């Protein structure tokens, strides 16, 4: 008998997609649903956090509240949208102290306000564990929406910011390394709202998604949606300085950068010949954008490492599967 553990999260989602008959212009399968509301799309996304899967050691109630808002806003950013508001649902035990929920909601509120939006409603229920669900709403002009599909052979692959910082923070907490900046990056993700809106307005982006489950998995998702293959040069990937401090072993560093996730940076493709325009957008945002490869029409996704071409393995995080850390 097939189980969720047999299929993994992504195949499970595909089964759900086949069953659902959505009236949305963009339904299940992208970072957000997009609903036609006239001259714009209404963007809607939802995400959950549960103690075992999402709340690492050292993450306080404020961080938890910040994170549930940030991960939802990251989906809005990936579509090039402007946030309109969020609702949050909280499942929590009766034994939790009042100040825990106060601090958690402070984190939710502060994150929403930092990105020029607000919590507009929600629900609370008694539960035997801490379970949070956030739903974010946004809007984007129809001609400016960023989707996972759309890349063409010859397009350039780019990422925002630096990769591997959140993963370094995870191992810093686990092994008491004292990498404070990386630990904060893990505990309080930073959605690239401003960057997503600027990329949307630029008109040079052909596809986009956020990097929540690892770069390798995100590349496979864009590849699957576009029907193209991706060629990435490992040496060109911008790596957080903490990666070398978390691991001296080069293979562990490589795994951290490619597969760990939780950086919530943007992975996107742009038309060849728009490099100068991309640099102008980066300067406008105050965030580096780095070209790390190109879109191809080959048979498989490729990683170039020290001049050697190898198959890029899809080894990012996936619910319902076990991965050693």
C-alpha atoms as a PDB file:
ATOM      1  CA  UNK A   1       0.000   0.000   0.000  1.00  0.00           C
ATOM      2  CA  UNK A   2       1.320   3.426  -0.931  1.00  0.00           C
ATOM      3  CA  UNK A   3       1.620   5.886   1.924  1.00  0.00           C
ATOM      4  CA  UNK A   4       2.532   9.560   2.184  1.00  0.00           C
ATOM      5  CA  UNK A   5       6.015   8.410   3.188  1.00  0.00           C
ATOM      6  CA  UNK A   6       6.249   6.469  -0.066  1.00  0.00           C
ATOM      7  CA  UNK A   7       5.298   9.458  -2.199  1.00  0.00           C
ATOM      8  CA  UNK A   8       6.701  12.445  -0.331  1.00  0.00           C
ATOM      9  CA  UNK A   9       5.113  15.875  -0.093  1.00  0.00           C
ATOM     10  CA  UNK A  10       5.480  16.972  -3.697  1.00  0.00           C
ATOM     11  CA  UNK A  11       3.886  13.868  -5.240  1.00  0.00           C
ATOM     12  CA  UNK A  12       1.133  14.082  -2.636  1.00  0.00           C
ATOM     13  CA  UNK A  13       0.457  17.668  -3.728  1.00  0.00           C
ATOM     14  CA  UNK A  14       0.250  16.536  -7.365  1.00  0.00           C
ATOM     15  CA  UNK A  15      -2.419  13.993  -6.407  1.00  0.00           C
ATOM     16  CA  UNK A  16      -4.376  16.735  -4.638  1.00  0.00           C
ATOM     17  CA  UNK A  17      -4.006  19.021  -7.666  1.00  0.00           C
ATOM     18  CA  UNK A  18      -5.593  16.376  -9.911  1.00  0.00           C
ATOM     19  CA  UNK A  19      -8.634  16.136  -7.628  1.00  0.00           C
ATOM     20  CA  UNK A  20      -9.234  19.844  -7.047  1.00  0.00           C
ATOM     21  CA  UNK A  21     -11.205  21.727  -9.694  1.00  0.00           C
ATOM     22  CA  UNK A  22     -10.052  25.270  -9.008  1.00  0.00           C
ATOM     23  CA  UNK A  23     -11.701  28.364 -10.484  1.00  0.00           C
ATOM     24  CA  UNK A  24      -8.596  30.458  -9.764  1.00  0.00           C
ATOM     25  CA  UNK A  25      -6.620  31.769 -12.720  1.00  0.00           C
ATOM     26  CA  UNK A  26      -3.544  30.270 -11.092  1.00  0.00           C
ATOM     27  CA  UNK A  27      -4.536  27.357  -8.869  1.00  0.00           C
ATOM     28  CA  UNK A  28      -2.542  24.866  -6.778  1.00  0.00           C
ATOM     29  CA  UNK A  29       1.090  24.360  -7.769  1.00  0.00           C
ATOM     30  CA  UNK A  30       2.556  27.866  -7.662  1.00  0.00           C
ATOM     31  CA  UNK A  31       3.684  29.923  -4.663  1.00  0.00           C
ATOM     32  CA  UNK A  32       0.239  31.556  -4.453  1.00  0.00           C
ATOM     33  CA  UNK A  33      -3.181  31.140  -5.974  1.00  0.00           C
ATOM     34  CA  UNK A  34      -4.142  34.057  -8.222  1.00  0.00           C
ATOM     35  CA  UNK A  35      -7.779  35.131  -8.466  1.00  0.00           C
ATOM     36  CA  UNK A  36      -8.973  37.553 -11.157  1.00  0.00           C
ATOM     37  CA  UNK A  37     -10.358  40.722  -9.543  1.00  0.00           C
ATOM     38  CA  UNK A  38     -10.443  43.007 -12.572  1.00  0.00           C
ATOM     39  CA  UNK A  39      -7.216  44.699 -13.594  1.00  0.00           C
ATOM     40  CA  UNK A  40      -5.244  42.843 -10.913  1.00  0.00           C
ATOM     41  CA  UNK A  41      -4.846  39.392  -9.403  1.00  0.00           C
ATOM     42  CA  UNK A  42      -5.645  38.722  -5.768  1.00  0.00           C
ATOM     43  CA  UNK A  43      -2.855  36.505  -4.410  1.00  0.00           C
ATOM     44  CA  UNK A  44      -3.648  33.996  -1.659  1.00  0.00           C
ATOM     45  CA  UNK A  45      -1.240  31.645   0.098  1.00  0.00           C
ATOM     46  CA  UNK A  46      -1.224  29.577   3.277  1.00  0.00           C
ATOM     47  CA  UNK A  47       1.456  27.821   5.299  1.00  0.00           C
ATOM     48  CA  UNK A  48       1.672  25.879   8.554  1.00  0.00           C
ATOM     49  CA  UNK A  49       4.166  25.490  11.366  1.00  0.00           C
ATOM     50  CA  UNK A  50       4.180  22.604  13.840  1.00  0.00           C
ATOM     51  CA  UNK A  51       6.606  22.056  16.683  1.00  0.00           C
ATOM     52  CA  UNK A  52       8.349  18.913  15.428  1.00  0.00           C
ATOM     53  CA  UNK A  53       8.899  19.928  11.807  1.00  0.00           C
ATOM     54  CA  UNK A  54       9.403  23.686  11.937  1.00  0.00           C
ATOM     55  CA  UNK A  55      10.431  24.928  15.360  1.00  0.00           C
ATOM     56  CA  UNK A  56      14.097  24.193  16.101  1.00  0.00           C
ATOM     57  CA  UNK A  57      15.723  24.369  19.486  1.00  0.00           C
ATOM     58  CA  UNK A  58      16.413  27.930  20.545  1.00  0.00           C
ATOM     59  CA  UNK A  59      13.422  29.425  18.748  1.00  0.00           C
ATOM     60  CA  UNK A  60      11.420  31.527  21.199  1.00  0.00           C
ATOM     61  CA  UNK A  61       7.737  32.503  20.991  1.00  0.00           C
ATOM     62  CA  UNK A  62       8.521  35.867  19.335  1.00  0.00           C
ATOM     63  CA  UNK A  63      10.569  34.078  16.666  1.00  0.00           C
ATOM     64  CA  UNK A  64       7.760  31.565  16.072  1.00  0.00           C
ATOM     65  CA  UNK A  65       5.248  34.361  15.557  1.00  0.00           C
ATOM     66  CA  UNK A  66       7.598  36.257  13.244  1.00  0.00           C
ATOM     67  CA  UNK A  67       8.242  33.116  11.185  1.00  0.00           C
ATOM     68  CA  UNK A  68       4.629  32.152  10.486  1.00  0.00           C
ATOM     69  CA  UNK A  69       4.059  35.598   8.999  1.00  0.00           C
ATOM     70  CA  UNK A  70       7.399  35.729   7.165  1.00  0.00           C
ATOM     71  CA  UNK A  71       7.045  32.380   5.379  1.00  0.00           C
ATOM     72  CA  UNK A  72       3.635  33.385   4.039  1.00  0.00           C
ATOM     73  CA  UNK A  73       4.856  36.806   2.925  1.00  0.00           C
ATOM     74  CA  UNK A  74       7.723  35.081   1.132  1.00  0.00           C
ATOM     75  CA  UNK A  75       5.184  33.407  -1.157  1.00  0.00           C
ATOM     76  CA  UNK A  76       3.637  36.793  -1.940  1.00  0.00           C
ATOM     77  CA  UNK A  77       7.143  38.088  -2.736  1.00  0.00           C
ATOM     78  CA  UNK A  78       7.792  35.190  -5.106  1.00  0.00           C
ATOM     79  CA  UNK A  79       4.783  36.241  -7.211  1.00  0.00           C
ATOM     80  CA  UNK A  80       5.864  39.893  -7.273  1.00  0.00           C
ATOM     81  CA  UNK A  81       2.937  40.907  -5.086  1.00  0.00           C
ATOM     82  CA  UNK A  82       2.151  43.674  -2.625  1.00  0.00           C
ATOM     83  CA  UNK A  83       0.887  42.289   0.718  1.00  0.00           C
ATOM     84  CA  UNK A  84      -2.668  43.244   1.736  1.00  0.00           C
ATOM     85  CA  UNK A  85      -3.011  41.402   5.061  1.00  0.00           C
ATOM     86  CA  UNK A  86      -2.886  38.083   6.884  1.00  0.00           C
ATOM     87  CA  UNK A  87      -5.080  35.871   9.026  1.00  0.00           C
ATOM     88  CA  UNK A  88      -3.555  33.409  11.488  1.00  0.00           C
ATOM     89  CA  UNK A  89      -4.957  30.347  13.241  1.00  0.00           C
ATOM     90  CA  UNK A  90      -3.374  29.122  16.483  1.00  0.00           C
ATOM     91  CA  UNK A  91      -3.713  25.642  17.946  1.00  0.00           C
ATOM     92  CA  UNK A  92      -2.178  25.626  21.431  1.00  0.00           C
ATOM     93  CA  UNK A  93      -2.343  23.684  24.694  1.00  0.00           C
ATOM     94  CA  UNK A  94      -4.185  25.030  27.732  1.00  0.00           C
ATOM     95  CA  UNK A  95      -0.924  24.724  29.675  1.00  0.00           C
ATOM     96  CA  UNK A  96       0.937  27.379  27.660  1.00  0.00           C
ATOM     97  CA  UNK A  97       1.666  30.530  29.716  1.00  0.00           C
ATOM     98  CA  UNK A  98      -0.167  33.707  28.732  1.00  0.00           C
ATOM     99  CA  UNK A  99       3.114  35.524  28.119  1.00  0.00           C
ATOM    100  CA  UNK A 100       4.046  32.854  25.530  1.00  0.00           C
ATOM    101  CA  UNK A 101       1.093  33.709  23.330  1.00  0.00           C
ATOM    102  CA  UNK A 102       1.599  37.439  23.961  1.00  0.00           C
ATOM    103  CA  UNK A 103       5.205  37.249  22.775  1.00  0.00           C
ATOM    104  CA  UNK A 104       4.240  35.054  19.820  1.00  0.00           C
ATOM    105  CA  UNK A 105       1.578  37.493  18.648  1.00  0.00           C
ATOM    106  CA  UNK A 106       4.045  40.361  19.136  1.00  0.00           C
ATOM    107  CA  UNK A 107       6.317  38.562  16.662  1.00  0.00           C
ATOM    108  CA  UNK A 108       3.458  38.126  14.191  1.00  0.00           C
ATOM    109  CA  UNK A 109       2.479  41.773  14.469  1.00  0.00           C
ATOM    110  CA  UNK A 110       6.027  43.121  14.204  1.00  0.00           C
ATOM    111  CA  UNK A 111       6.801  41.054  11.092  1.00  0.00           C
ATOM    112  CA  UNK A 112       3.573  42.105   9.382  1.00  0.00           C
ATOM    113  CA  UNK A 113       4.159  45.764  10.224  1.00  0.00           C
ATOM    114  CA  UNK A 114       7.795  45.585   9.082  1.00  0.00           C
ATOM    115  CA  UNK A 115       6.567  44.648   5.629  1.00  0.00           C
ATOM    116  CA  UNK A 116       3.801  47.250   5.528  1.00  0.00           C
ATOM    117  CA  UNK A 117       0.842  44.988   6.197  1.00  0.00           C
ATOM    118  CA  UNK A 118      -1.113  43.706   9.210  1.00  0.00           C
ATOM    119  CA  UNK A 119      -2.861  40.780  10.869  1.00  0.00           C
ATOM    120  CA  UNK A 120      -6.545  41.265  10.048  1.00  0.00           C
ATOM    121  CA  UNK A 121      -8.093  38.259  11.807  1.00  0.00           C
ATOM    122  CA  UNK A 122      -7.722  34.618  12.778  1.00  0.00           C
ATOM    123  CA  UNK A 123      -8.789  31.835  15.108  1.00  0.00           C
ATOM    124  CA  UNK A 124      -7.589  30.020  18.239  1.00  0.00           C
ATOM    125  CA  UNK A 125      -8.271  26.427  19.272  1.00  0.00           C
ATOM    126  CA  UNK A 126      -7.113  24.090  22.016  1.00  0.00           C
ATOM    127  CA  UNK A 127      -4.647  21.501  20.727  1.00  0.00           C
ATOM    128  CA  UNK A 128      -2.227  18.974  22.214  1.00  0.00           C
ATOM    129  CA  UNK A 129       0.701  20.619  20.381  1.00  0.00           C
ATOM    130  CA  UNK A 130       1.588  24.073  19.068  1.00  0.00           C
ATOM    131  CA  UNK A 131       0.227  24.386  15.521  1.00  0.00           C
ATOM    132  CA  UNK A 132       0.143  27.658  13.589  1.00  0.00           C
ATOM    133  CA  UNK A 133      -1.441  28.372  10.238  1.00  0.00           C
ATOM    134  CA  UNK A 134      -1.046  31.641   8.370  1.00  0.00           C
ATOM    135  CA  UNK A 135      -2.854  32.859   5.268  1.00  0.00           C
ATOM    136  CA  UNK A 136      -1.568  35.903   3.408  1.00  0.00           C
ATOM    137  CA  UNK A 137      -3.291  38.029   0.792  1.00  0.00           C
ATOM    138  CA  UNK A 138      -1.642  40.245  -1.793  1.00  0.00           C
ATOM    139  CA  UNK A 139      -2.197  41.865  -5.154  1.00  0.00           C
ATOM    140  CA  UNK A 140      -0.259  42.213  -8.372  1.00  0.00           C
ATOM    141  CA  UNK A 141      -0.930  43.706 -11.790  1.00  0.00           C
ATOM    142  CA  UNK A 142      -1.871  40.997 -14.251  1.00  0.00           C
ATOM    143  CA  UNK A 143       0.972  41.793 -16.631  1.00  0.00           C
ATOM    144  CA  UNK A 144       3.522  41.744 -13.797  1.00  0.00           C
ATOM    145  CA  UNK A 145       2.755  38.473 -12.027  1.00  0.00           C
ATOM    146  CA  UNK A 146       5.761  36.175 -11.524  1.00  0.00           C
ATOM    147  CA  UNK A 147       5.119  32.451 -12.016  1.00  0.00           C
ATOM    148  CA  UNK A 148       7.105  29.240 -11.676  1.00  0.00           C
ATOM    149  CA  UNK A 149       6.595  28.561 -15.380  1.00  0.00           C
ATOM    150  CA  UNK A 150       7.863  30.687 -18.241  1.00  0.00           C
ATOM    151  CA  UNK A 151      11.623  30.131 -18.472  1.00  0.00           C
ATOM    152  CA  UNK A 152      13.039  29.551 -21.945  1.00  0.00           C
ATOM    153  CA  UNK A 153      16.314  28.035 -23.119  1.00  0.00           C
ATOM    154  CA  UNK A 154      19.028  30.692 -22.961  1.00  0.00           C
ATOM    155  CA  UNK A 155      17.552  32.531 -19.988  1.00  0.00           C
ATOM    156  CA  UNK A 156      19.889  33.224 -17.082  1.00  0.00           C
ATOM    157  CA  UNK A 157      19.342  31.781 -13.589  1.00  0.00           C
ATOM    158  CA  UNK A 158      19.767  34.132 -10.625  1.00  0.00           C
ATOM    159  CA  UNK A 159      19.306  34.196  -6.859  1.00  0.00           C
ATOM    160  CA  UNK A 160      18.890  36.976  -4.332  1.00  0.00           C
ATOM    161  CA  UNK A 161      21.070  37.394  -1.264  1.00  0.00           C
ATOM    162  CA  UNK A 162      23.329  34.665   0.135  1.00  0.00           C
ATOM    163  CA  UNK A 163      22.579  30.976   0.552  1.00  0.00           C
ATOM    164  CA  UNK A 164      23.386  28.658   3.421  1.00  0.00           C
ATOM    165  CA  UNK A 165      22.969  31.150   6.252  1.00  0.00           C
ATOM    166  CA  UNK A 166      19.821  29.612   7.784  1.00  0.00           C
ATOM    167  CA  UNK A 167      21.290  26.118   7.562  1.00  0.00           C
ATOM    168  CA  UNK A 168      24.458  27.356   9.234  1.00  0.00           C
ATOM    169  CA  UNK A 169      22.269  28.793  11.976  1.00  0.00           C
ATOM    170  CA  UNK A 170      20.574  25.421  12.477  1.00  0.00           C
ATOM    171  CA  UNK A 171      23.908  23.661  12.981  1.00  0.00           C
ATOM    172  CA  UNK A 172      25.205  26.532  15.102  1.00  0.00           C
ATOM    173  CA  UNK A 173      22.327  26.019  17.535  1.00  0.00           C
ATOM    174  CA  UNK A 174      22.711  22.243  17.415  1.00  0.00           C
ATOM    175  CA  UNK A 175      26.468  22.310  18.071  1.00  0.00           C
ATOM    176  CA  UNK A 176      26.711  25.549  20.073  1.00  0.00           C
ATOM    177  CA  UNK A 177      28.936  27.314  17.526  1.00  0.00           C
ATOM    178  CA  UNK A 178      27.860  30.830  18.425  1.00  0.00           C
ATOM    179  CA  UNK A 179      27.046  31.981  14.875  1.00  0.00           C
ATOM    180  CA  UNK A 180      24.535  34.541  16.120  1.00  0.00           C
ATOM    181  CA  UNK A 181      23.737  36.218  12.806  1.00  0.00           C
ATOM    182  CA  UNK A 182      23.081  32.865  11.147  1.00  0.00           C
ATOM    183  CA  UNK A 183      20.957  31.684  14.074  1.00  0.00           C
ATOM    184  CA  UNK A 184      18.857  34.848  13.771  1.00  0.00           C
ATOM    185  CA  UNK A 185      18.454  34.251  10.035  1.00  0.00           C
ATOM    186  CA  UNK A 186      17.028  30.811  10.800  1.00  0.00           C
ATOM    187  CA  UNK A 187      14.738  32.014  13.571  1.00  0.00           C
ATOM    188  CA  UNK A 188      13.494  35.161  11.830  1.00  0.00           C
ATOM    189  CA  UNK A 189      13.349  34.714   8.048  1.00  0.00           C
ATOM    190  CA  UNK A 190      13.320  37.835   5.904  1.00  0.00           C
ATOM    191  CA  UNK A 191      10.799  37.714   3.021  1.00  0.00           C
ATOM    192  CA  UNK A 192      12.062  39.475  -0.103  1.00  0.00           C
ATOM    193  CA  UNK A 193       8.926  41.583  -0.568  1.00  0.00           C
ATOM    194  CA  UNK A 194      10.671  44.698  -1.883  1.00  0.00           C
ATOM    195  CA  UNK A 195      12.859  42.615  -4.167  1.00  0.00           C
ATOM    196  CA  UNK A 196       9.939  40.623  -5.561  1.00  0.00           C
ATOM    197  CA  UNK A 197       7.992  43.794  -6.338  1.00  0.00           C
ATOM    198  CA  UNK A 198      11.021  45.368  -8.034  1.00  0.00           C
ATOM    199  CA  UNK A 199      11.693  42.262 -10.120  1.00  0.00           C
ATOM    200  CA  UNK A 200       8.029  42.195 -11.097  1.00  0.00           C
ATOM    201  CA  UNK A 201       8.133  45.821 -12.212  1.00  0.00           C
ATOM    202  CA  UNK A 202      11.372  45.326 -14.175  1.00  0.00           C
ATOM    203  CA  UNK A 203       9.730  43.196 -16.872  1.00  0.00           C
ATOM    204  CA  UNK A 204      12.873  41.072 -17.301  1.00  0.00           C
ATOM    205  CA  UNK A 205      11.911  38.071 -15.131  1.00  0.00           C
ATOM    206  CA  UNK A 206      10.608  34.955 -16.893  1.00  0.00           C
ATOM    207  CA  UNK A 207       9.969  32.734 -13.836  1.00  0.00           C
ATOM    208  CA  UNK A 208      10.370  32.917 -10.063  1.00  0.00           C
ATOM    209  CA  UNK A 209       9.848  31.115  -6.745  1.00  0.00           C
ATOM    210  CA  UNK A 210      11.205  31.367  -3.220  1.00  0.00           C
ATOM    211  CA  UNK A 211      13.859  29.034  -1.850  1.00  0.00           C
ATOM    212  CA  UNK A 212      12.203  27.457   1.164  1.00  0.00           C
ATOM    213  CA  UNK A 213      13.151  23.773   0.796  1.00  0.00           C
ATOM    214  CA  UNK A 214      16.631  24.149  -0.688  1.00  0.00           C
ATOM    215  CA  UNK A 215      18.127  25.434  -3.937  1.00  0.00           C
ATOM    216  CA  UNK A 216      18.230  22.001  -5.579  1.00  0.00           C
ATOM    217  CA  UNK A 217      14.532  21.371  -4.971  1.00  0.00           C
ATOM    218  CA  UNK A 218      13.596  24.867  -6.132  1.00  0.00           C
ATOM    219  CA  UNK A 219      15.534  24.352  -9.357  1.00  0.00           C
ATOM    220  CA  UNK A 220      13.685  21.093  -9.970  1.00  0.00           C
ATOM    221  CA  UNK A 221      10.355  22.832  -9.398  1.00  0.00           C
ATOM    222  CA  UNK A 222      11.136  25.604 -11.897  1.00  0.00           C
ATOM    223  CA  UNK A 223      12.477  23.014 -14.333  1.00  0.00           C
ATOM    224  CA  UNK A 224       9.319  20.901 -14.038  1.00  0.00           C
ATOM    225  CA  UNK A 225       7.044  23.890 -14.505  1.00  0.00           C
ATOM    226  CA  UNK A 226       8.870  25.330 -17.504  1.00  0.00           C
ATOM    227  CA  UNK A 227       9.703  22.041 -19.230  1.00  0.00           C
ATOM    228  CA  UNK A 228      13.322  23.225 -19.457  1.00  0.00           C
ATOM    229  CA  UNK A 229      16.510  22.019 -17.776  1.00  0.00           C
ATOM    230  CA  UNK A 230      18.845  24.052 -15.589  1.00  0.00           C
ATOM    231  CA  UNK A 231      22.625  24.277 -15.506  1.00  0.00           C
ATOM    232  CA  UNK A 232      24.080  25.755 -12.316  1.00  0.00           C
ATOM    233  CA  UNK A 233      27.709  26.613 -11.550  1.00  0.00           C
ATOM    234  CA  UNK A 234      28.360  25.859  -7.873  1.00  0.00           C
ATOM    235  CA  UNK A 235      31.292  28.311  -7.735  1.00  0.00           C
ATOM    236  CA  UNK A 236      28.980  31.177  -8.696  1.00  0.00           C
ATOM    237  CA  UNK A 237      26.398  30.528  -5.982  1.00  0.00           C
ATOM    238  CA  UNK A 238      26.680  33.297  -3.353  1.00  0.00           C
ATOM    239  CA  UNK A 239      27.439  31.555  -0.057  1.00  0.00           C
ATOM    240  CA  UNK A 240      27.003  33.008   3.416  1.00  0.00           C
ATOM    241  CA  UNK A 241      30.302  33.387   5.276  1.00  0.00           C
ATOM    242  CA  UNK A 242      28.946  31.183   8.061  1.00  0.00           C
ATOM    243  CA  UNK A 243      28.880  28.111   5.793  1.00  0.00           C
ATOM    244  CA  UNK A 244      32.642  27.611   6.195  1.00  0.00           C
ATOM    245  CA  UNK A 245      32.310  28.103   9.944  1.00  0.00           C
ATOM    246  CA  UNK A 246      29.532  25.543  10.254  1.00  0.00           C
ATOM    247  CA  UNK A 247      31.501  22.858   8.364  1.00  0.00           C
ATOM    248  CA  UNK A 248      35.110  22.506   7.293  1.00  0.00           C
ATOM    249  CA  UNK A 249      34.252  19.530   5.100  1.00  0.00           C
ATOM    250  CA  UNK A 250      33.605  20.765   1.537  1.00  0.00           C
ATOM    251  CA  UNK A 251      30.923  18.178   0.816  1.00  0.00           C
ATOM    252  CA  UNK A 252      28.966  19.159   3.928  1.00  0.00           C
ATOM    253  CA  UNK A 253      29.255  22.807   2.865  1.00  0.00           C
ATOM    254  CA  UNK A 254      27.964  21.884  -0.575  1.00  0.00           C
ATOM    255  CA  UNK A 255      25.013  20.008   0.892  1.00  0.00           C
ATOM    256  CA  UNK A 256      24.208  22.965   3.137  1.00  0.00           C
ATOM    257  CA  UNK A 257      24.176  25.449   0.252  1.00  0.00           C
ATOM    258  CA  UNK A 258      22.285  23.262  -2.216  1.00  0.00           C
ATOM    259  CA  UNK A 259      19.856  21.332  -0.066  1.00  0.00           C
ATOM    260  CA  UNK A 260      19.150  22.714   3.404  1.00  0.00           C
ATOM    261  CA  UNK A 261      16.738  25.534   2.627  1.00  0.00           C
ATOM    262  CA  UNK A 262      15.020  28.016   4.980  1.00  0.00           C
ATOM    263  CA  UNK A 263      16.905  30.950   3.422  1.00  0.00           C
ATOM    264  CA  UNK A 264      13.706  32.258   1.766  1.00  0.00           C
ATOM    265  CA  UNK A 265      15.690  33.963  -0.965  1.00  0.00           C
ATOM    266  CA  UNK A 266      14.295  34.247  -4.499  1.00  0.00           C
ATOM    267  CA  UNK A 267      15.322  31.939  -7.341  1.00  0.00           C
ATOM    268  CA  UNK A 268      14.405  33.403 -10.705  1.00  0.00           C
ATOM    269  CA  UNK A 269      15.237  33.495 -14.396  1.00  0.00           C
ATOM    270  CA  UNK A 270      15.788  36.543 -16.579  1.00  0.00           C
ATOM    271  CA  UNK A 271      16.101  37.107 -20.281  1.00  0.00           C
ATOM    272  CA  UNK A 272      19.648  36.967 -21.616  1.00  0.00           C
ATOM    273  CA  UNK A 273      20.966  40.453 -22.306  1.00  0.00           C
ATOM    274  CA  UNK A 274      19.230  42.016 -19.297  1.00  0.00           C
ATOM    275  CA  UNK A 275      22.203  41.754 -16.930  1.00  0.00           C
ATOM    276  CA  UNK A 276      22.623  45.537 -16.662  1.00  0.00           C
ATOM    277  CA  UNK A 277      18.934  45.998 -15.942  1.00  0.00           C
ATOM    278  CA  UNK A 278      19.157  43.313 -13.256  1.00  0.00           C
ATOM    279  CA  UNK A 279      22.067  45.110 -11.646  1.00  0.00           C
ATOM    280  CA  UNK A 280      20.062  48.339 -11.569  1.00  0.00           C
ATOM    281  CA  UNK A 281      17.215  46.538  -9.788  1.00  0.00           C
ATOM    282  CA  UNK A 282      19.710  45.100  -7.286  1.00  0.00           C
ATOM    283  CA  UNK A 283      21.086  48.564  -6.526  1.00  0.00           C
ATOM    284  CA  UNK A 284      17.551  49.928  -6.179  1.00  0.00           C
ATOM    285  CA  UNK A 285      16.691  47.186  -3.668  1.00  0.00           C
ATOM    286  CA  UNK A 286      19.999  47.184  -1.804  1.00  0.00           C
ATOM    287  CA  UNK A 287      20.114  43.409  -2.261  1.00  0.00           C
ATOM    288  CA  UNK A 288      22.627  41.497  -4.405  1.00  0.00           C
ATOM    289  CA  UNK A 289      21.311  39.422  -7.305  1.00  0.00           C
ATOM    290  CA  UNK A 290      23.761  36.834  -8.597  1.00  0.00           C
ATOM    291  CA  UNK A 291      23.622  34.967 -11.898  1.00  0.00           C
ATOM    292  CA  UNK A 292      24.432  31.323 -11.143  1.00  0.00           C
ATOM    293  CA  UNK A 293      23.698  29.511 -14.407  1.00  0.00           C
ATOM    294  CA  UNK A 294      21.522  29.215 -17.468  1.00  0.00           C
ATOM    295  CA  UNK A 295      18.359  27.518 -18.691  1.00  0.00           C
ATOM    296  CA  UNK A 296      18.907  24.775 -21.267  1.00  0.00           C
ATOM    297  CA  UNK A 297      16.887  22.273 -23.264  1.00  0.00           C
ATOM    298  CA  UNK A 298      18.905  19.230 -22.240  1.00  0.00           C
ATOM    299  CA  UNK A 299      17.823  15.968 -20.655  1.00  0.00           C
ATOM    300  CA  UNK A 300      18.580  16.682 -16.975  1.00  0.00           C
ATOM    301  CA  UNK A 301      19.542  19.428 -14.536  1.00  0.00           C
ATOM    302  CA  UNK A 302      23.312  19.854 -14.283  1.00  0.00           C
ATOM    303  CA  UNK A 303      25.639  21.087 -11.549  1.00  0.00           C
ATOM    304  CA  UNK A 304      29.093  22.300 -12.556  1.00  0.00           C
ATOM    305  CA  UNK A 305      31.595  21.913  -9.721  1.00  0.00           C
ATOM    306  CA  UNK A 306      35.267  22.733 -10.325  1.00  0.00           C
ATOM    307  CA  UNK A 307      34.723  22.340 -14.038  1.00  0.00           C
ATOM    308  CA  UNK A 308      33.150  18.895 -13.640  1.00  0.00           C
ATOM    309  CA  UNK A 309      29.619  18.402 -14.928  1.00  0.00           C
ATOM    310  CA  UNK A 310      27.386  16.157 -12.828  1.00  0.00           C
ATOM    311  CA  UNK A 311      23.689  15.481 -12.451  1.00  0.00           C
ATOM    312  CA  UNK A 312      22.078  17.864  -9.981  1.00  0.00           C
ATOM    313  CA  UNK A 313      20.292  15.718  -7.409  1.00  0.00           C
ATOM    314  CA  UNK A 314      16.988  16.838  -5.923  1.00  0.00           C
ATOM    315  CA  UNK A 315      17.898  16.517  -2.235  1.00  0.00           C
ATOM    316  CA  UNK A 316      16.144  19.461  -0.603  1.00  0.00           C
ATOM    317  CA  UNK A 317      13.781  19.159   2.348  1.00  0.00           C
ATOM    318  CA  UNK A 318      10.530  17.295   1.760  1.00  0.00           C
ATOM    319  CA  UNK A 319       7.801  16.541   4.270  1.00  0.00           C
ATOM    320  CA  UNK A 320       6.874  12.865   4.797  1.00  0.00           C
ATOM    321  CA  UNK A 321      10.491  11.883   4.096  1.00  0.00           C
ATOM    322  CA  UNK A 322      13.292  11.468   6.620  1.00  0.00           C
ATOM    323  CA  UNK A 323      16.584  13.276   6.091  1.00  0.00           C
ATOM    324  CA  UNK A 324      19.611  12.918   8.344  1.00  0.00           C
ATOM    325  CA  UNK A 325      20.921  16.119   9.917  1.00  0.00           C
END
